[in-house]
């Protein structure tokens, strides 16, 4: 894993280079029903946990003393969101500054197999008009081209929130020069299709703790 990019603590992440070989699957435990379906471990669970704790600290420093509405993007974001919120709560309890958080959930539908589809639907969540005048933290699992996030942001901005920040566990390096960057992100990764830590391939692999690269056998086995 290489060093860090960006200028501020919030807007940078761990950069995983294109030639990063990952970790051998033999070094870790993972569910037996996925044996033969994965190439390698890209980010082990322990590193995800430590990085999430640091993101929580950055968010606490920036947004402390505010009431925040956390908008978790399902389904892939639920594990990262739960861990991030728990870390923020722990920091808040032991700090002079305090964040009051309410968590809500939305679902965005834009993938079929491993292909991103142009049309996106936003489902669920409380009435989004309740976000008017609020500080909103959107928590997402992965940002690729950023198209999906831009659509969501445009929708939420219509309701005039006081502030919107975005935290994503992963940012995928894409060839698009206008690539969207979240305010906070854990890891910048190569343009790979990754699974695990609640990221799925057709609803499979959510129960895998590490973030791994799926192999062709795995894609074929779970294709719909």
C-alpha atoms as a PDB file:
ATOM      1  CA  UNK A   1       0.000   0.000   0.000  1.00  0.00           C
ATOM      2  CA  UNK A   2       1.369   3.382  -0.960  1.00  0.00           C
ATOM      3  CA  UNK A   3       1.267   6.713   0.855  1.00  0.00           C
ATOM      4  CA  UNK A   4      -1.445   9.307   1.058  1.00  0.00           C
ATOM      5  CA  UNK A   5      -2.760  11.872  -1.367  1.00  0.00           C
ATOM      6  CA  UNK A   6      -4.837  15.006  -0.971  1.00  0.00           C
ATOM      7  CA  UNK A   7      -4.322  18.109   1.097  1.00  0.00           C
ATOM      8  CA  UNK A   8      -6.505  17.850   4.190  1.00  0.00           C
ATOM      9  CA  UNK A   9      -6.831  14.990   6.665  1.00  0.00           C
ATOM     10  CA  UNK A  10     -10.480  14.509   5.778  1.00  0.00           C
ATOM     11  CA  UNK A  11     -10.049  14.424   2.015  1.00  0.00           C
ATOM     12  CA  UNK A  12      -7.375  11.777   1.699  1.00  0.00           C
ATOM     13  CA  UNK A  13      -7.200   8.047   1.979  1.00  0.00           C
ATOM     14  CA  UNK A  14      -4.803   5.138   1.805  1.00  0.00           C
ATOM     15  CA  UNK A  15      -3.819   4.692  -1.844  1.00  0.00           C
ATOM     16  CA  UNK A  16      -3.589   1.079  -3.021  1.00  0.00           C
ATOM     17  CA  UNK A  17      -1.506   1.043  -6.205  1.00  0.00           C
ATOM     18  CA  UNK A  18      -2.409  -0.791  -9.425  1.00  0.00           C
ATOM     19  CA  UNK A  19       0.455  -3.246  -8.980  1.00  0.00           C
ATOM     20  CA  UNK A  20      -0.419  -4.093  -5.356  1.00  0.00           C
ATOM     21  CA  UNK A  21      -0.470  -7.924  -5.308  1.00  0.00           C
ATOM     22  CA  UNK A  22      -2.802  -8.155  -2.307  1.00  0.00           C
ATOM     23  CA  UNK A  23      -2.551 -10.858   0.349  1.00  0.00           C
ATOM     24  CA  UNK A  24      -2.725 -14.606  -0.232  1.00  0.00           C
ATOM     25  CA  UNK A  25      -6.070 -16.102   0.809  1.00  0.00           C
ATOM     26  CA  UNK A  26      -4.102 -18.772   2.713  1.00  0.00           C
ATOM     27  CA  UNK A  27      -3.050 -16.147   5.278  1.00  0.00           C
ATOM     28  CA  UNK A  28      -6.617 -15.489   6.483  1.00  0.00           C
ATOM     29  CA  UNK A  29      -9.789 -17.277   7.504  1.00  0.00           C
ATOM     30  CA  UNK A  30     -12.897 -16.734   5.395  1.00  0.00           C
ATOM     31  CA  UNK A  31     -16.182 -18.625   4.816  1.00  0.00           C
ATOM     32  CA  UNK A  32     -15.580 -22.059   3.328  1.00  0.00           C
ATOM     33  CA  UNK A  33     -18.452 -21.698   0.857  1.00  0.00           C
ATOM     34  CA  UNK A  34     -16.346 -19.083  -1.006  1.00  0.00           C
ATOM     35  CA  UNK A  35     -13.293 -21.325  -1.467  1.00  0.00           C
ATOM     36  CA  UNK A  36     -12.353 -21.158  -5.154  1.00  0.00           C
ATOM     37  CA  UNK A  37     -14.352 -17.963  -5.809  1.00  0.00           C
ATOM     38  CA  UNK A  38     -11.758 -15.318  -4.879  1.00  0.00           C
ATOM     39  CA  UNK A  39      -8.415 -14.113  -6.304  1.00  0.00           C
ATOM     40  CA  UNK A  40      -6.861 -12.552  -3.186  1.00  0.00           C
ATOM     41  CA  UNK A  41      -7.494 -10.367  -0.138  1.00  0.00           C
ATOM     42  CA  UNK A  42      -7.204  -6.696  -1.106  1.00  0.00           C
ATOM     43  CA  UNK A  43      -7.816  -5.181   2.369  1.00  0.00           C
ATOM     44  CA  UNK A  44      -7.873  -7.353   5.510  1.00  0.00           C
ATOM     45  CA  UNK A  45     -10.649  -6.753   8.029  1.00  0.00           C
ATOM     46  CA  UNK A  46      -8.319  -5.463  10.765  1.00  0.00           C
ATOM     47  CA  UNK A  47      -6.989  -2.690   8.506  1.00  0.00           C
ATOM     48  CA  UNK A  48     -10.564  -1.693   7.587  1.00  0.00           C
ATOM     49  CA  UNK A  49     -11.431  -1.405  11.300  1.00  0.00           C
ATOM     50  CA  UNK A  50      -8.370   0.740  12.113  1.00  0.00           C
ATOM     51  CA  UNK A  51      -8.909   3.041   9.125  1.00  0.00           C
ATOM     52  CA  UNK A  52     -12.614   3.466   9.987  1.00  0.00           C
ATOM     53  CA  UNK A  53     -11.637   4.534  13.504  1.00  0.00           C
ATOM     54  CA  UNK A  54      -9.377   7.232  12.041  1.00  0.00           C
ATOM     55  CA  UNK A  55     -12.139   8.442   9.692  1.00  0.00           C
ATOM     56  CA  UNK A  56     -14.432   8.717  12.730  1.00  0.00           C
ATOM     57  CA  UNK A  57     -11.813  10.920  14.418  1.00  0.00           C
ATOM     58  CA  UNK A  58     -11.545  13.173  11.339  1.00  0.00           C
ATOM     59  CA  UNK A  59     -15.346  13.491  11.118  1.00  0.00           C
ATOM     60  CA  UNK A  60     -15.557  14.215  14.852  1.00  0.00           C
ATOM     61  CA  UNK A  61     -12.953  16.989  14.522  1.00  0.00           C
ATOM     62  CA  UNK A  62     -14.824  18.588  11.607  1.00  0.00           C
ATOM     63  CA  UNK A  63     -18.441  18.113  12.670  1.00  0.00           C
ATOM     64  CA  UNK A  64     -18.317  17.932  16.493  1.00  0.00           C
ATOM     65  CA  UNK A  65     -20.931  20.008  18.368  1.00  0.00           C
ATOM     66  CA  UNK A  66     -23.529  19.359  15.646  1.00  0.00           C
ATOM     67  CA  UNK A  67     -26.689  17.322  15.245  1.00  0.00           C
ATOM     68  CA  UNK A  68     -26.093  15.011  12.277  1.00  0.00           C
ATOM     69  CA  UNK A  69     -28.450  12.958  10.140  1.00  0.00           C
ATOM     70  CA  UNK A  70     -26.449   9.947   8.919  1.00  0.00           C
ATOM     71  CA  UNK A  71     -27.876   8.676   5.644  1.00  0.00           C
ATOM     72  CA  UNK A  72     -26.607   5.125   5.097  1.00  0.00           C
ATOM     73  CA  UNK A  73     -26.694   3.849   1.524  1.00  0.00           C
ATOM     74  CA  UNK A  74     -27.890   0.221   1.584  1.00  0.00           C
ATOM     75  CA  UNK A  75     -27.081  -2.512   1.278  1.00  0.00           C
ATOM     76  CA  UNK A  76     -23.339  -2.336   0.813  1.00  0.00           C
ATOM     77  CA  UNK A  77     -22.834   0.566   3.207  1.00  0.00           C
ATOM     78  CA  UNK A  78     -24.465  -0.941   6.292  1.00  0.00           C
ATOM     79  CA  UNK A  79     -21.357  -2.538   7.841  1.00  0.00           C
ATOM     80  CA  UNK A  80     -19.106   0.469   7.278  1.00  0.00           C
ATOM     81  CA  UNK A  81     -21.867   2.775   8.516  1.00  0.00           C
ATOM     82  CA  UNK A  82     -22.503   0.732  11.682  1.00  0.00           C
ATOM     83  CA  UNK A  83     -18.781   0.611  12.517  1.00  0.00           C
ATOM     84  CA  UNK A  84     -18.243   4.298  11.699  1.00  0.00           C
ATOM     85  CA  UNK A  85     -21.215   5.442  13.808  1.00  0.00           C
ATOM     86  CA  UNK A  86     -20.063   3.248  16.710  1.00  0.00           C
ATOM     87  CA  UNK A  87     -16.560   4.771  16.590  1.00  0.00           C
ATOM     88  CA  UNK A  88     -17.997   8.315  16.444  1.00  0.00           C
ATOM     89  CA  UNK A  89     -20.255   7.563  19.434  1.00  0.00           C
ATOM     90  CA  UNK A  90     -17.287   6.252  21.443  1.00  0.00           C
ATOM     91  CA  UNK A  91     -15.206   9.326  20.592  1.00  0.00           C
ATOM     92  CA  UNK A  92     -18.144  11.587  21.379  1.00  0.00           C
ATOM     93  CA  UNK A  93     -18.638   9.993  24.809  1.00  0.00           C
ATOM     94  CA  UNK A  94     -15.016  10.668  25.739  1.00  0.00           C
ATOM     95  CA  UNK A  95     -14.825  14.169  24.298  1.00  0.00           C
ATOM     96  CA  UNK A  96     -15.827  17.669  25.351  1.00  0.00           C
ATOM     97  CA  UNK A  97     -17.499  17.950  21.958  1.00  0.00           C
ATOM     98  CA  UNK A  98     -20.642  15.959  21.266  1.00  0.00           C
ATOM     99  CA  UNK A  99     -22.295  14.691  18.102  1.00  0.00           C
ATOM    100  CA  UNK A 100     -25.953  13.769  18.227  1.00  0.00           C
ATOM    101  CA  UNK A 101     -26.709  11.321  15.418  1.00  0.00           C
ATOM    102  CA  UNK A 102     -29.869  10.006  13.842  1.00  0.00           C
ATOM    103  CA  UNK A 103     -29.388   7.249  11.266  1.00  0.00           C
ATOM    104  CA  UNK A 104     -31.654   6.746   8.256  1.00  0.00           C
ATOM    105  CA  UNK A 105     -31.317   4.443   5.245  1.00  0.00           C
ATOM    106  CA  UNK A 106     -31.746   4.737   1.491  1.00  0.00           C
ATOM    107  CA  UNK A 107     -31.233   2.182  -1.255  1.00  0.00           C
ATOM    108  CA  UNK A 108     -29.827   2.964  -4.683  1.00  0.00           C
ATOM    109  CA  UNK A 109     -30.292   0.403  -7.413  1.00  0.00           C
ATOM    110  CA  UNK A 110     -27.758   0.643 -10.230  1.00  0.00           C
ATOM    111  CA  UNK A 111     -25.892  -2.678 -10.678  1.00  0.00           C
ATOM    112  CA  UNK A 112     -26.731  -5.817 -12.645  1.00  0.00           C
ATOM    113  CA  UNK A 113     -24.054  -8.501 -12.200  1.00  0.00           C
ATOM    114  CA  UNK A 114     -20.826  -6.424 -12.327  1.00  0.00           C
ATOM    115  CA  UNK A 115     -22.135  -3.786 -14.770  1.00  0.00           C
ATOM    116  CA  UNK A 116     -23.235  -0.351 -13.585  1.00  0.00           C
ATOM    117  CA  UNK A 117     -26.543   0.663 -15.141  1.00  0.00           C
ATOM    118  CA  UNK A 118     -27.316   4.219 -16.229  1.00  0.00           C
ATOM    119  CA  UNK A 119     -30.684   4.521 -14.516  1.00  0.00           C
ATOM    120  CA  UNK A 120     -30.725   4.775 -10.756  1.00  0.00           C
ATOM    121  CA  UNK A 121     -33.626   4.493  -8.340  1.00  0.00           C
ATOM    122  CA  UNK A 122     -33.629   5.918  -4.814  1.00  0.00           C
ATOM    123  CA  UNK A 123     -35.770   3.845  -2.467  1.00  0.00           C
ATOM    124  CA  UNK A 124     -36.631   3.957   1.220  1.00  0.00           C
ATOM    125  CA  UNK A 125     -35.594   6.513   3.778  1.00  0.00           C
ATOM    126  CA  UNK A 126     -37.797   8.847   5.756  1.00  0.00           C
ATOM    127  CA  UNK A 127     -39.382  11.697   3.860  1.00  0.00           C
ATOM    128  CA  UNK A 128     -36.274  13.439   2.488  1.00  0.00           C
ATOM    129  CA  UNK A 129     -37.908  16.830   3.041  1.00  0.00           C
ATOM    130  CA  UNK A 130     -37.097  16.306   6.743  1.00  0.00           C
ATOM    131  CA  UNK A 131     -33.440  16.946   5.816  1.00  0.00           C
ATOM    132  CA  UNK A 132     -34.183  20.669   5.343  1.00  0.00           C
ATOM    133  CA  UNK A 133     -31.800  22.729   7.484  1.00  0.00           C
ATOM    134  CA  UNK A 134     -30.012  19.605   8.781  1.00  0.00           C
ATOM    135  CA  UNK A 135     -26.363  18.530   8.692  1.00  0.00           C
ATOM    136  CA  UNK A 136     -26.296  15.386   6.547  1.00  0.00           C
ATOM    137  CA  UNK A 137     -23.521  12.776   6.430  1.00  0.00           C
ATOM    138  CA  UNK A 138     -24.012  10.292   3.583  1.00  0.00           C
ATOM    139  CA  UNK A 139     -22.225   6.984   4.223  1.00  0.00           C
ATOM    140  CA  UNK A 140     -21.481   4.819   1.189  1.00  0.00           C
ATOM    141  CA  UNK A 141     -19.429   1.665   0.651  1.00  0.00           C
ATOM    142  CA  UNK A 142     -17.770   2.516  -2.664  1.00  0.00           C
ATOM    143  CA  UNK A 143     -17.615   5.431  -5.109  1.00  0.00           C
ATOM    144  CA  UNK A 144     -16.683   4.590  -8.698  1.00  0.00           C
ATOM    145  CA  UNK A 145     -17.334   7.132 -11.450  1.00  0.00           C
ATOM    146  CA  UNK A 146     -19.329   9.179  -8.937  1.00  0.00           C
ATOM    147  CA  UNK A 147     -22.414   9.291 -11.172  1.00  0.00           C
ATOM    148  CA  UNK A 148     -24.551   7.521  -8.586  1.00  0.00           C
ATOM    149  CA  UNK A 149     -23.432   9.826  -5.784  1.00  0.00           C
ATOM    150  CA  UNK A 150     -24.011  12.953  -7.890  1.00  0.00           C
ATOM    151  CA  UNK A 151     -27.601  11.846  -8.568  1.00  0.00           C
ATOM    152  CA  UNK A 152     -28.175  11.263  -4.833  1.00  0.00           C
ATOM    153  CA  UNK A 153     -26.573  14.606  -3.890  1.00  0.00           C
ATOM    154  CA  UNK A 154     -28.690  16.478  -6.447  1.00  0.00           C
ATOM    155  CA  UNK A 155     -31.816  14.854  -4.996  1.00  0.00           C
ATOM    156  CA  UNK A 156     -30.920  15.754  -1.417  1.00  0.00           C
ATOM    157  CA  UNK A 157     -29.821  19.309  -2.253  1.00  0.00           C
ATOM    158  CA  UNK A 158     -33.370  20.052  -3.453  1.00  0.00           C
ATOM    159  CA  UNK A 159     -34.487  19.834   0.184  1.00  0.00           C
ATOM    160  CA  UNK A 160     -32.029  22.548   1.301  1.00  0.00           C
ATOM    161  CA  UNK A 161     -30.001  20.816   4.025  1.00  0.00           C
ATOM    162  CA  UNK A 162     -27.636  23.054   5.999  1.00  0.00           C
ATOM    163  CA  UNK A 163     -24.620  20.919   5.017  1.00  0.00           C
ATOM    164  CA  UNK A 164     -23.888  17.657   3.175  1.00  0.00           C
ATOM    165  CA  UNK A 165     -20.724  15.615   3.667  1.00  0.00           C
ATOM    166  CA  UNK A 166     -19.985  12.218   2.122  1.00  0.00           C
ATOM    167  CA  UNK A 167     -17.948   9.405   3.683  1.00  0.00           C
ATOM    168  CA  UNK A 168     -17.107   6.375   1.555  1.00  0.00           C
ATOM    169  CA  UNK A 169     -15.045   3.378   2.604  1.00  0.00           C
ATOM    170  CA  UNK A 170     -13.621   2.946  -0.909  1.00  0.00           C
ATOM    171  CA  UNK A 171     -12.956   5.161  -3.924  1.00  0.00           C
ATOM    172  CA  UNK A 172     -12.290   3.375  -7.195  1.00  0.00           C
ATOM    173  CA  UNK A 173      -9.677   4.875  -9.539  1.00  0.00           C
ATOM    174  CA  UNK A 174     -11.380   5.321 -12.883  1.00  0.00           C
ATOM    175  CA  UNK A 175     -10.268   6.830 -16.169  1.00  0.00           C
ATOM    176  CA  UNK A 176     -12.803   9.663 -15.895  1.00  0.00           C
ATOM    177  CA  UNK A 177     -10.987  12.956 -15.277  1.00  0.00           C
ATOM    178  CA  UNK A 178     -14.037  14.524 -13.594  1.00  0.00           C
ATOM    179  CA  UNK A 179     -14.182  11.709 -11.033  1.00  0.00           C
ATOM    180  CA  UNK A 180     -16.132  12.688  -7.922  1.00  0.00           C
ATOM    181  CA  UNK A 181     -14.249  12.621  -4.592  1.00  0.00           C
ATOM    182  CA  UNK A 182     -16.082  12.195  -1.263  1.00  0.00           C
ATOM    183  CA  UNK A 183     -15.151  14.406   1.702  1.00  0.00           C
ATOM    184  CA  UNK A 184     -13.863  11.381   3.614  1.00  0.00           C
ATOM    185  CA  UNK A 185     -12.730   8.026   2.278  1.00  0.00           C
ATOM    186  CA  UNK A 186     -10.838   5.075   3.600  1.00  0.00           C
ATOM    187  CA  UNK A 187      -9.002   3.586   0.634  1.00  0.00           C
ATOM    188  CA  UNK A 188      -8.424   4.496  -2.991  1.00  0.00           C
ATOM    189  CA  UNK A 189      -8.359   1.225  -4.915  1.00  0.00           C
ATOM    190  CA  UNK A 190      -7.620   0.151  -8.512  1.00  0.00           C
ATOM    191  CA  UNK A 191     -10.542  -0.329 -10.907  1.00  0.00           C
ATOM    192  CA  UNK A 192     -11.394  -3.833  -9.652  1.00  0.00           C
ATOM    193  CA  UNK A 193     -14.691  -5.491  -8.757  1.00  0.00           C
ATOM    194  CA  UNK A 194     -14.395  -6.118  -5.030  1.00  0.00           C
ATOM    195  CA  UNK A 195     -16.574  -8.028  -2.562  1.00  0.00           C
ATOM    196  CA  UNK A 196     -16.778  -8.520   1.193  1.00  0.00           C
ATOM    197  CA  UNK A 197     -17.396  -6.348   4.271  1.00  0.00           C
ATOM    198  CA  UNK A 198     -21.026  -6.056   3.063  1.00  0.00           C
ATOM    199  CA  UNK A 199     -20.099  -5.358  -0.577  1.00  0.00           C
ATOM    200  CA  UNK A 200     -21.857  -7.949  -2.704  1.00  0.00           C
ATOM    201  CA  UNK A 201     -21.949  -9.633  -6.069  1.00  0.00           C
ATOM    202  CA  UNK A 202     -25.637 -10.389  -6.669  1.00  0.00           C
ATOM    203  CA  UNK A 203     -26.255 -10.564  -2.892  1.00  0.00           C
ATOM    204  CA  UNK A 204     -23.366 -12.982  -2.223  1.00  0.00           C
ATOM    205  CA  UNK A 205     -20.148 -12.259  -0.272  1.00  0.00           C
ATOM    206  CA  UNK A 206     -21.717  -9.819   2.215  1.00  0.00           C
ATOM    207  CA  UNK A 207     -20.739 -12.260   5.010  1.00  0.00           C
ATOM    208  CA  UNK A 208     -17.030 -12.060   4.067  1.00  0.00           C
ATOM    209  CA  UNK A 209     -15.097  -9.877   6.567  1.00  0.00           C
ATOM    210  CA  UNK A 210     -12.184  -8.929   4.304  1.00  0.00           C
ATOM    211  CA  UNK A 211     -12.434  -6.948   1.078  1.00  0.00           C
ATOM    212  CA  UNK A 212     -11.411  -9.341  -1.689  1.00  0.00           C
ATOM    213  CA  UNK A 213     -11.191  -9.479  -5.466  1.00  0.00           C
ATOM    214  CA  UNK A 214     -13.640 -11.969  -6.971  1.00  0.00           C
ATOM    215  CA  UNK A 215     -12.332 -14.341  -9.669  1.00  0.00           C
ATOM    216  CA  UNK A 216     -13.999 -15.385 -12.941  1.00  0.00           C
ATOM    217  CA  UNK A 217     -15.189 -18.655 -11.409  1.00  0.00           C
ATOM    218  CA  UNK A 218     -16.946 -16.717  -8.630  1.00  0.00           C
ATOM    219  CA  UNK A 219     -18.575 -14.338 -11.121  1.00  0.00           C
ATOM    220  CA  UNK A 220     -19.874 -17.218 -13.229  1.00  0.00           C
ATOM    221  CA  UNK A 221     -21.075 -19.203 -10.202  1.00  0.00           C
ATOM    222  CA  UNK A 222     -23.177 -16.330  -8.795  1.00  0.00           C
ATOM    223  CA  UNK A 223     -24.276 -14.661 -12.037  1.00  0.00           C
ATOM    224  CA  UNK A 224     -28.006 -13.962 -12.333  1.00  0.00           C
END
